[in-house]
């Protein structure tokens, strides 16, 4: 039965927000940097919905009774423990491209009553599973770029069950067109240029939209790799595949 979002506790539902208090988010200490970025975003999204900060933890030792675990198959001791205990099915995720499962697990760990486990077949699968949850609780992918408001909710529950998804197209993305003056003037004023501070928001938007590919701006001083070497480092950290300047391969 697919897990769905509702405002009432239907018995054994997972309390993503309960009485205005958001659940904790767990991203293990050894997780890929893409998951670390996602963890911070997801905790921020829960705060936007609940109005209170959500704890971001790197393990379950000090976790509350309800938590969200976001993890990557093959790189997560916690996922491995759940699978070994028969509490999580992962066979259909193994080897898949950007697939994820969201599942409510009862008594997953000692002292934890219930967890919403978001398991990714790879790092982007886990990230997409996290941002999919954000969208389902009312945080638009465009909340930053288009100032889409987020409605406050005192209670948000995930019904028992599981939900699985993955893309049907391997590479999905955008190219930055009309980079000057439409983009360059704004980027210079807001961030000091088309640099890694700006691209952090571009990359996040792409991932929230379940995209994975970007053709960047190209004209100096906006050459992606040359004019700010941090751009390519951040793209790799967040899991974005970079193309060359857009008009060569796309014209």
C-alpha atoms as a PDB file:
ATOM      1  CA  UNK A   1       0.000   0.000   0.000  1.00  0.00           C
ATOM      2  CA  UNK A   2       1.605   3.311  -1.003  1.00  0.00           C
ATOM      3  CA  UNK A   3       2.429   5.549   1.959  1.00  0.00           C
ATOM      4  CA  UNK A   4       0.451   8.805   1.737  1.00  0.00           C
ATOM      5  CA  UNK A   5       0.541  12.157   3.527  1.00  0.00           C
ATOM      6  CA  UNK A   6      -2.386  13.130   5.742  1.00  0.00           C
ATOM      7  CA  UNK A   7      -3.249  15.445   8.644  1.00  0.00           C
ATOM      8  CA  UNK A   8      -4.645  12.770  10.975  1.00  0.00           C
ATOM      9  CA  UNK A   9      -3.040   9.871  12.783  1.00  0.00           C
ATOM     10  CA  UNK A  10      -4.693   6.823  11.266  1.00  0.00           C
ATOM     11  CA  UNK A  11      -3.138   4.375  13.708  1.00  0.00           C
ATOM     12  CA  UNK A  12       0.507   3.398  13.365  1.00  0.00           C
ATOM     13  CA  UNK A  13       1.034   6.445  11.151  1.00  0.00           C
ATOM     14  CA  UNK A  14       4.440   8.072  11.232  1.00  0.00           C
ATOM     15  CA  UNK A  15       4.392  11.567  12.739  1.00  0.00           C
ATOM     16  CA  UNK A  16       6.468  13.684  10.398  1.00  0.00           C
ATOM     17  CA  UNK A  17       5.106  16.709  12.276  1.00  0.00           C
ATOM     18  CA  UNK A  18       3.239  15.994  15.492  1.00  0.00           C
ATOM     19  CA  UNK A  19       1.740  18.851  17.490  1.00  0.00           C
ATOM     20  CA  UNK A  20       3.988  21.329  15.699  1.00  0.00           C
ATOM     21  CA  UNK A  21       7.153  19.355  16.465  1.00  0.00           C
ATOM     22  CA  UNK A  22       8.971  17.948  13.411  1.00  0.00           C
ATOM     23  CA  UNK A  23      10.611  14.536  13.436  1.00  0.00           C
ATOM     24  CA  UNK A  24      14.388  14.310  13.486  1.00  0.00           C
ATOM     25  CA  UNK A  25      16.307  13.761  10.243  1.00  0.00           C
ATOM     26  CA  UNK A  26      19.119  11.190  10.266  1.00  0.00           C
ATOM     27  CA  UNK A  27      21.898  11.147   7.667  1.00  0.00           C
ATOM     28  CA  UNK A  28      24.746   8.900   8.743  1.00  0.00           C
ATOM     29  CA  UNK A  29      28.164  10.413   9.389  1.00  0.00           C
ATOM     30  CA  UNK A  30      29.777   8.454   6.550  1.00  0.00           C
ATOM     31  CA  UNK A  31      27.105   9.256   3.969  1.00  0.00           C
ATOM     32  CA  UNK A  32      27.920  10.758   0.586  1.00  0.00           C
ATOM     33  CA  UNK A  33      28.139  14.593   0.541  1.00  0.00           C
ATOM     34  CA  UNK A  34      25.030  14.693  -1.661  1.00  0.00           C
ATOM     35  CA  UNK A  35      23.046  13.166   1.197  1.00  0.00           C
ATOM     36  CA  UNK A  36      24.597  15.606   3.666  1.00  0.00           C
ATOM     37  CA  UNK A  37      23.342  18.499   1.527  1.00  0.00           C
ATOM     38  CA  UNK A  38      19.917  16.848   1.301  1.00  0.00           C
ATOM     39  CA  UNK A  39      19.775  16.327   5.060  1.00  0.00           C
ATOM     40  CA  UNK A  40      20.232  20.023   5.720  1.00  0.00           C
ATOM     41  CA  UNK A  41      17.600  20.906   3.125  1.00  0.00           C
ATOM     42  CA  UNK A  42      15.078  18.384   4.441  1.00  0.00           C
ATOM     43  CA  UNK A  43      15.530  19.562   8.027  1.00  0.00           C
ATOM     44  CA  UNK A  44      14.989  23.122   6.765  1.00  0.00           C
ATOM     45  CA  UNK A  45      11.853  22.069   4.901  1.00  0.00           C
ATOM     46  CA  UNK A  46      10.402  20.458   8.019  1.00  0.00           C
ATOM     47  CA  UNK A  47      11.062  23.700   9.883  1.00  0.00           C
ATOM     48  CA  UNK A  48       9.252  25.636   7.154  1.00  0.00           C
ATOM     49  CA  UNK A  49       6.205  23.415   7.565  1.00  0.00           C
ATOM     50  CA  UNK A  50       6.213  23.026  11.351  1.00  0.00           C
ATOM     51  CA  UNK A  51       7.585  26.417  12.368  1.00  0.00           C
ATOM     52  CA  UNK A  52      10.118  24.772  14.685  1.00  0.00           C
ATOM     53  CA  UNK A  53      13.664  23.526  13.992  1.00  0.00           C
ATOM     54  CA  UNK A  54      14.083  19.879  13.049  1.00  0.00           C
ATOM     55  CA  UNK A  55      17.047  18.045  14.552  1.00  0.00           C
ATOM     56  CA  UNK A  56      19.633  16.793  12.052  1.00  0.00           C
ATOM     57  CA  UNK A  57      21.486  13.765  13.442  1.00  0.00           C
ATOM     58  CA  UNK A  58      24.289  11.536  12.142  1.00  0.00           C
ATOM     59  CA  UNK A  59      23.098   8.392  13.942  1.00  0.00           C
ATOM     60  CA  UNK A  60      20.273   6.866  15.977  1.00  0.00           C
ATOM     61  CA  UNK A  61      21.956   6.610  19.389  1.00  0.00           C
ATOM     62  CA  UNK A  62      20.355   9.820  20.669  1.00  0.00           C
ATOM     63  CA  UNK A  63      17.401   9.825  18.293  1.00  0.00           C
ATOM     64  CA  UNK A  64      13.835  10.548  19.408  1.00  0.00           C
ATOM     65  CA  UNK A  65      11.034   8.020  19.070  1.00  0.00           C
ATOM     66  CA  UNK A  66      10.254   9.065  15.492  1.00  0.00           C
ATOM     67  CA  UNK A  67      12.818   9.884  12.833  1.00  0.00           C
ATOM     68  CA  UNK A  68      13.397  10.152   9.096  1.00  0.00           C
ATOM     69  CA  UNK A  69      16.366   8.134   7.864  1.00  0.00           C
ATOM     70  CA  UNK A  70      17.766   9.012   4.432  1.00  0.00           C
ATOM     71  CA  UNK A  71      20.423   6.588   3.237  1.00  0.00           C
ATOM     72  CA  UNK A  72      22.074   5.017   0.212  1.00  0.00           C
ATOM     73  CA  UNK A  73      22.000   1.296  -0.415  1.00  0.00           C
ATOM     74  CA  UNK A  74      25.425  -0.281  -0.016  1.00  0.00           C
ATOM     75  CA  UNK A  75      26.821   2.644   1.980  1.00  0.00           C
ATOM     76  CA  UNK A  76      24.571   2.580   5.040  1.00  0.00           C
ATOM     77  CA  UNK A  77      25.078   0.322   8.071  1.00  0.00           C
ATOM     78  CA  UNK A  78      21.596   1.296   9.255  1.00  0.00           C
ATOM     79  CA  UNK A  79      19.934   0.191   6.004  1.00  0.00           C
ATOM     80  CA  UNK A  80      21.942  -3.024   6.090  1.00  0.00           C
ATOM     81  CA  UNK A  81      20.783  -3.721   9.647  1.00  0.00           C
ATOM     82  CA  UNK A  82      17.138  -3.146   8.710  1.00  0.00           C
ATOM     83  CA  UNK A  83      17.438  -5.419   5.683  1.00  0.00           C
ATOM     84  CA  UNK A  84      19.143  -8.146   7.718  1.00  0.00           C
ATOM     85  CA  UNK A  85      16.361  -7.950  10.312  1.00  0.00           C
ATOM     86  CA  UNK A  86      13.758  -8.372   7.570  1.00  0.00           C
ATOM     87  CA  UNK A  87      12.307  -4.908   8.136  1.00  0.00           C
ATOM     88  CA  UNK A  88      13.289  -3.447   4.762  1.00  0.00           C
ATOM     89  CA  UNK A  89      13.180  -4.869   1.251  1.00  0.00           C
ATOM     90  CA  UNK A  90      16.019  -3.676  -0.971  1.00  0.00           C
ATOM     91  CA  UNK A  91      16.388  -6.348  -3.663  1.00  0.00           C
ATOM     92  CA  UNK A  92      14.459  -4.362  -6.268  1.00  0.00           C
ATOM     93  CA  UNK A  93      16.566  -1.257  -5.601  1.00  0.00           C
ATOM     94  CA  UNK A  94      19.967  -2.874  -6.055  1.00  0.00           C
ATOM     95  CA  UNK A  95      21.670  -1.774  -9.260  1.00  0.00           C
ATOM     96  CA  UNK A  96      18.851   0.567 -10.294  1.00  0.00           C
ATOM     97  CA  UNK A  97      19.381   4.118 -11.582  1.00  0.00           C
ATOM     98  CA  UNK A  98      18.225   6.803  -9.110  1.00  0.00           C
ATOM     99  CA  UNK A  99      15.465   4.654  -7.588  1.00  0.00           C
ATOM    100  CA  UNK A 100      14.155   5.193  -4.077  1.00  0.00           C
ATOM    101  CA  UNK A 101      11.738   3.699  -1.578  1.00  0.00           C
ATOM    102  CA  UNK A 102       9.928   5.521   1.230  1.00  0.00           C
ATOM    103  CA  UNK A 103       8.615   3.105   3.849  1.00  0.00           C
ATOM    104  CA  UNK A 104       7.301   3.387   7.402  1.00  0.00           C
ATOM    105  CA  UNK A 105       9.133   0.882   9.620  1.00  0.00           C
ATOM    106  CA  UNK A 106       7.896  -0.085  13.079  1.00  0.00           C
ATOM    107  CA  UNK A 107      10.496  -0.355  15.864  1.00  0.00           C
ATOM    108  CA  UNK A 108      13.453  -0.049  13.503  1.00  0.00           C
ATOM    109  CA  UNK A 109      16.100   0.552  16.171  1.00  0.00           C
ATOM    110  CA  UNK A 110      16.303   0.296  19.981  1.00  0.00           C
ATOM    111  CA  UNK A 111      14.389   3.179  21.534  1.00  0.00           C
ATOM    112  CA  UNK A 112      12.865   4.259  18.222  1.00  0.00           C
ATOM    113  CA  UNK A 113       9.160   3.539  17.858  1.00  0.00           C
ATOM    114  CA  UNK A 114       8.789   4.313  14.182  1.00  0.00           C
ATOM    115  CA  UNK A 115      10.872   5.573  11.265  1.00  0.00           C
ATOM    116  CA  UNK A 116      10.234   6.828   7.795  1.00  0.00           C
ATOM    117  CA  UNK A 117      13.065   5.217   5.856  1.00  0.00           C
ATOM    118  CA  UNK A 118      14.067   6.754   2.523  1.00  0.00           C
ATOM    119  CA  UNK A 119      16.395   4.299   0.810  1.00  0.00           C
ATOM    120  CA  UNK A 120      18.119   5.197  -2.450  1.00  0.00           C
ATOM    121  CA  UNK A 121      19.630   2.758  -4.925  1.00  0.00           C
ATOM    122  CA  UNK A 122      22.395   5.329  -5.390  1.00  0.00           C
ATOM    123  CA  UNK A 123      23.127   8.766  -3.982  1.00  0.00           C
ATOM    124  CA  UNK A 124      20.789  10.671  -6.283  1.00  0.00           C
ATOM    125  CA  UNK A 125      18.054   8.138  -5.639  1.00  0.00           C
ATOM    126  CA  UNK A 126      18.271   8.909  -1.925  1.00  0.00           C
ATOM    127  CA  UNK A 127      18.314  12.659  -2.607  1.00  0.00           C
ATOM    128  CA  UNK A 128      15.280  12.436  -4.894  1.00  0.00           C
ATOM    129  CA  UNK A 129      13.444  10.421  -2.262  1.00  0.00           C
ATOM    130  CA  UNK A 130      14.085  13.164   0.277  1.00  0.00           C
ATOM    131  CA  UNK A 131      13.007  16.002  -1.985  1.00  0.00           C
ATOM    132  CA  UNK A 132       9.973  13.985  -3.086  1.00  0.00           C
ATOM    133  CA  UNK A 133       8.886  13.975   0.554  1.00  0.00           C
ATOM    134  CA  UNK A 134       9.436  17.745   0.787  1.00  0.00           C
ATOM    135  CA  UNK A 135       7.182  18.345  -2.204  1.00  0.00           C
ATOM    136  CA  UNK A 136       4.486  16.057  -0.805  1.00  0.00           C
ATOM    137  CA  UNK A 137       4.309  18.030   2.456  1.00  0.00           C
ATOM    138  CA  UNK A 138       3.914  21.332   0.640  1.00  0.00           C
ATOM    139  CA  UNK A 139       7.418  22.701   0.025  1.00  0.00           C
ATOM    140  CA  UNK A 140       7.516  23.690  -3.635  1.00  0.00           C
ATOM    141  CA  UNK A 141      10.750  23.124  -5.567  1.00  0.00           C
ATOM    142  CA  UNK A 142      10.371  26.830  -6.406  1.00  0.00           C
ATOM    143  CA  UNK A 143      10.088  28.005  -2.787  1.00  0.00           C
ATOM    144  CA  UNK A 144      13.339  29.991  -3.114  1.00  0.00           C
ATOM    145  CA  UNK A 145      13.433  30.992  -6.786  1.00  0.00           C
ATOM    146  CA  UNK A 146       9.766  32.011  -7.059  1.00  0.00           C
ATOM    147  CA  UNK A 147       9.006  32.776  -3.387  1.00  0.00           C
ATOM    148  CA  UNK A 148       6.306  30.089  -3.288  1.00  0.00           C
ATOM    149  CA  UNK A 149       4.912  30.208   0.265  1.00  0.00           C
ATOM    150  CA  UNK A 150       4.914  27.131   2.495  1.00  0.00           C
ATOM    151  CA  UNK A 151       1.757  26.502   4.497  1.00  0.00           C
ATOM    152  CA  UNK A 152       2.272  25.800   8.206  1.00  0.00           C
ATOM    153  CA  UNK A 153       0.840  22.507   9.461  1.00  0.00           C
ATOM    154  CA  UNK A 154       0.604  21.402  13.082  1.00  0.00           C
ATOM    155  CA  UNK A 155       0.298  17.731  12.136  1.00  0.00           C
ATOM    156  CA  UNK A 156       1.628  15.802   9.161  1.00  0.00           C
ATOM    157  CA  UNK A 157       1.422  12.006   9.163  1.00  0.00           C
ATOM    158  CA  UNK A 158       2.687   9.369   6.759  1.00  0.00           C
ATOM    159  CA  UNK A 159       0.344   6.393   6.603  1.00  0.00           C
ATOM    160  CA  UNK A 160       1.781   2.884   6.961  1.00  0.00           C
ATOM    161  CA  UNK A 161       3.074   1.337   3.782  1.00  0.00           C
ATOM    162  CA  UNK A 162       5.725   1.937   1.158  1.00  0.00           C
ATOM    163  CA  UNK A 163       6.216   4.016  -1.963  1.00  0.00           C
ATOM    164  CA  UNK A 164       8.780   3.393  -4.701  1.00  0.00           C
ATOM    165  CA  UNK A 165       9.755   5.536  -7.687  1.00  0.00           C
ATOM    166  CA  UNK A 166      12.523   6.101 -10.210  1.00  0.00           C
ATOM    167  CA  UNK A 167      12.954   8.134 -13.423  1.00  0.00           C
ATOM    168  CA  UNK A 168      12.193   6.784 -16.862  1.00  0.00           C
ATOM    169  CA  UNK A 169      14.744   9.054 -18.574  1.00  0.00           C
ATOM    170  CA  UNK A 170      18.377   8.714 -17.536  1.00  0.00           C
ATOM    171  CA  UNK A 171      19.560  12.329 -17.882  1.00  0.00           C
ATOM    172  CA  UNK A 172      17.213  15.259 -17.240  1.00  0.00           C
ATOM    173  CA  UNK A 173      18.231  18.863 -16.906  1.00  0.00           C
ATOM    174  CA  UNK A 174      18.352  22.443 -18.117  1.00  0.00           C
ATOM    175  CA  UNK A 175      20.685  24.784 -19.907  1.00  0.00           C
ATOM    176  CA  UNK A 176      21.208  28.379 -18.877  1.00  0.00           C
ATOM    177  CA  UNK A 177      20.189  30.632 -21.738  1.00  0.00           C
ATOM    178  CA  UNK A 178      20.239  34.450 -21.974  1.00  0.00           C
ATOM    179  CA  UNK A 179      22.936  34.478 -19.325  1.00  0.00           C
ATOM    180  CA  UNK A 180      23.596  38.205 -19.859  1.00  0.00           C
ATOM    181  CA  UNK A 181      22.154  40.532 -18.885  1.00  0.00           C
ATOM    182  CA  UNK A 182      19.132  38.649 -17.493  1.00  0.00           C
ATOM    183  CA  UNK A 183      21.148  36.318 -15.257  1.00  0.00           C
ATOM    184  CA  UNK A 184      24.468  38.135 -14.937  1.00  0.00           C
ATOM    185  CA  UNK A 185      23.147  41.410 -13.529  1.00  0.00           C
ATOM    186  CA  UNK A 186      21.078  39.634 -10.866  1.00  0.00           C
ATOM    187  CA  UNK A 187      23.848  37.153  -9.993  1.00  0.00           C
ATOM    188  CA  UNK A 188      26.396  39.932  -9.628  1.00  0.00           C
ATOM    189  CA  UNK A 189      24.119  41.901  -7.328  1.00  0.00           C
ATOM    190  CA  UNK A 190      23.006  38.911  -5.260  1.00  0.00           C
ATOM    191  CA  UNK A 191      26.136  36.733  -5.091  1.00  0.00           C
ATOM    192  CA  UNK A 192      29.010  38.684  -6.630  1.00  0.00           C
ATOM    193  CA  UNK A 193      28.806  36.721  -9.869  1.00  0.00           C
ATOM    194  CA  UNK A 194      27.727  33.407 -11.376  1.00  0.00           C
ATOM    195  CA  UNK A 195      29.732  31.543  -8.765  1.00  0.00           C
ATOM    196  CA  UNK A 196      29.297  28.560  -6.466  1.00  0.00           C
ATOM    197  CA  UNK A 197      27.064  30.557  -4.118  1.00  0.00           C
ATOM    198  CA  UNK A 198      24.616  31.068  -6.953  1.00  0.00           C
ATOM    199  CA  UNK A 199      24.968  27.566  -8.382  1.00  0.00           C
ATOM    200  CA  UNK A 200      24.163  26.039  -4.976  1.00  0.00           C
ATOM    201  CA  UNK A 201      20.607  27.324  -5.497  1.00  0.00           C
ATOM    202  CA  UNK A 202      20.534  26.205  -9.136  1.00  0.00           C
ATOM    203  CA  UNK A 203      21.692  22.696  -8.188  1.00  0.00           C
ATOM    204  CA  UNK A 204      19.163  22.453  -5.365  1.00  0.00           C
ATOM    205  CA  UNK A 205      16.355  23.469  -7.699  1.00  0.00           C
ATOM    206  CA  UNK A 206      17.437  20.829 -10.215  1.00  0.00           C
ATOM    207  CA  UNK A 207      17.450  18.107  -7.566  1.00  0.00           C
ATOM    208  CA  UNK A 208      14.096  19.197  -6.155  1.00  0.00           C
ATOM    209  CA  UNK A 209      12.719  18.853  -9.688  1.00  0.00           C
ATOM    210  CA  UNK A 210      14.378  15.395  -9.891  1.00  0.00           C
ATOM    211  CA  UNK A 211      16.827  16.626 -12.513  1.00  0.00           C
ATOM    212  CA  UNK A 212      20.473  15.610 -12.650  1.00  0.00           C
ATOM    213  CA  UNK A 213      22.121  17.521 -15.540  1.00  0.00           C
ATOM    214  CA  UNK A 214      23.135  21.119 -16.238  1.00  0.00           C
ATOM    215  CA  UNK A 215      24.580  22.944 -19.213  1.00  0.00           C
ATOM    216  CA  UNK A 216      26.057  26.054 -17.551  1.00  0.00           C
ATOM    217  CA  UNK A 217      26.619  29.658 -18.455  1.00  0.00           C
ATOM    218  CA  UNK A 218      29.729  30.075 -20.610  1.00  0.00           C
ATOM    219  CA  UNK A 219      30.890  33.622 -21.361  1.00  0.00           C
ATOM    220  CA  UNK A 220      33.671  35.171 -19.214  1.00  0.00           C
ATOM    221  CA  UNK A 221      33.522  35.937 -16.350  1.00  0.00           C
ATOM    222  CA  UNK A 222      30.955  33.121 -16.017  1.00  0.00           C
ATOM    223  CA  UNK A 223      32.947  30.170 -17.400  1.00  0.00           C
ATOM    224  CA  UNK A 224      31.846  27.382 -15.086  1.00  0.00           C
ATOM    225  CA  UNK A 225      35.157  25.681 -14.255  1.00  0.00           C
ATOM    226  CA  UNK A 226      37.634  28.475 -14.973  1.00  0.00           C
ATOM    227  CA  UNK A 227      36.076  31.474 -13.251  1.00  0.00           C
ATOM    228  CA  UNK A 228      35.114  29.723 -10.012  1.00  0.00           C
ATOM    229  CA  UNK A 229      36.743  26.298  -9.508  1.00  0.00           C
ATOM    230  CA  UNK A 230      34.416  25.745  -6.534  1.00  0.00           C
ATOM    231  CA  UNK A 231      31.573  25.334  -9.020  1.00  0.00           C
ATOM    232  CA  UNK A 232      32.748  21.924 -10.226  1.00  0.00           C
ATOM    233  CA  UNK A 233      33.525  20.778  -6.675  1.00  0.00           C
ATOM    234  CA  UNK A 234      30.015  21.681  -5.536  1.00  0.00           C
ATOM    235  CA  UNK A 235      28.415  20.041  -8.565  1.00  0.00           C
ATOM    236  CA  UNK A 236      30.185  16.792  -7.742  1.00  0.00           C
ATOM    237  CA  UNK A 237      29.290  17.043  -4.056  1.00  0.00           C
ATOM    238  CA  UNK A 238      25.599  17.568  -4.779  1.00  0.00           C
ATOM    239  CA  UNK A 239      25.420  14.921  -7.513  1.00  0.00           C
ATOM    240  CA  UNK A 240      24.909  17.136 -10.570  1.00  0.00           C
ATOM    241  CA  UNK A 241      26.241  15.924 -13.922  1.00  0.00           C
ATOM    242  CA  UNK A 242      27.780  18.808 -15.857  1.00  0.00           C
ATOM    243  CA  UNK A 243      27.806  19.296 -19.608  1.00  0.00           C
ATOM    244  CA  UNK A 244      29.854  21.754 -21.602  1.00  0.00           C
ATOM    245  CA  UNK A 245      28.509  25.137 -22.613  1.00  0.00           C
ATOM    246  CA  UNK A 246      25.116  24.514 -24.076  1.00  0.00           C
ATOM    247  CA  UNK A 247      25.220  25.677 -27.671  1.00  0.00           C
ATOM    248  CA  UNK A 248      27.988  23.315 -28.858  1.00  0.00           C
ATOM    249  CA  UNK A 249      26.263  19.984 -28.074  1.00  0.00           C
ATOM    250  CA  UNK A 250      22.687  21.270 -28.474  1.00  0.00           C
ATOM    251  CA  UNK A 251      22.854  23.306 -31.680  1.00  0.00           C
END
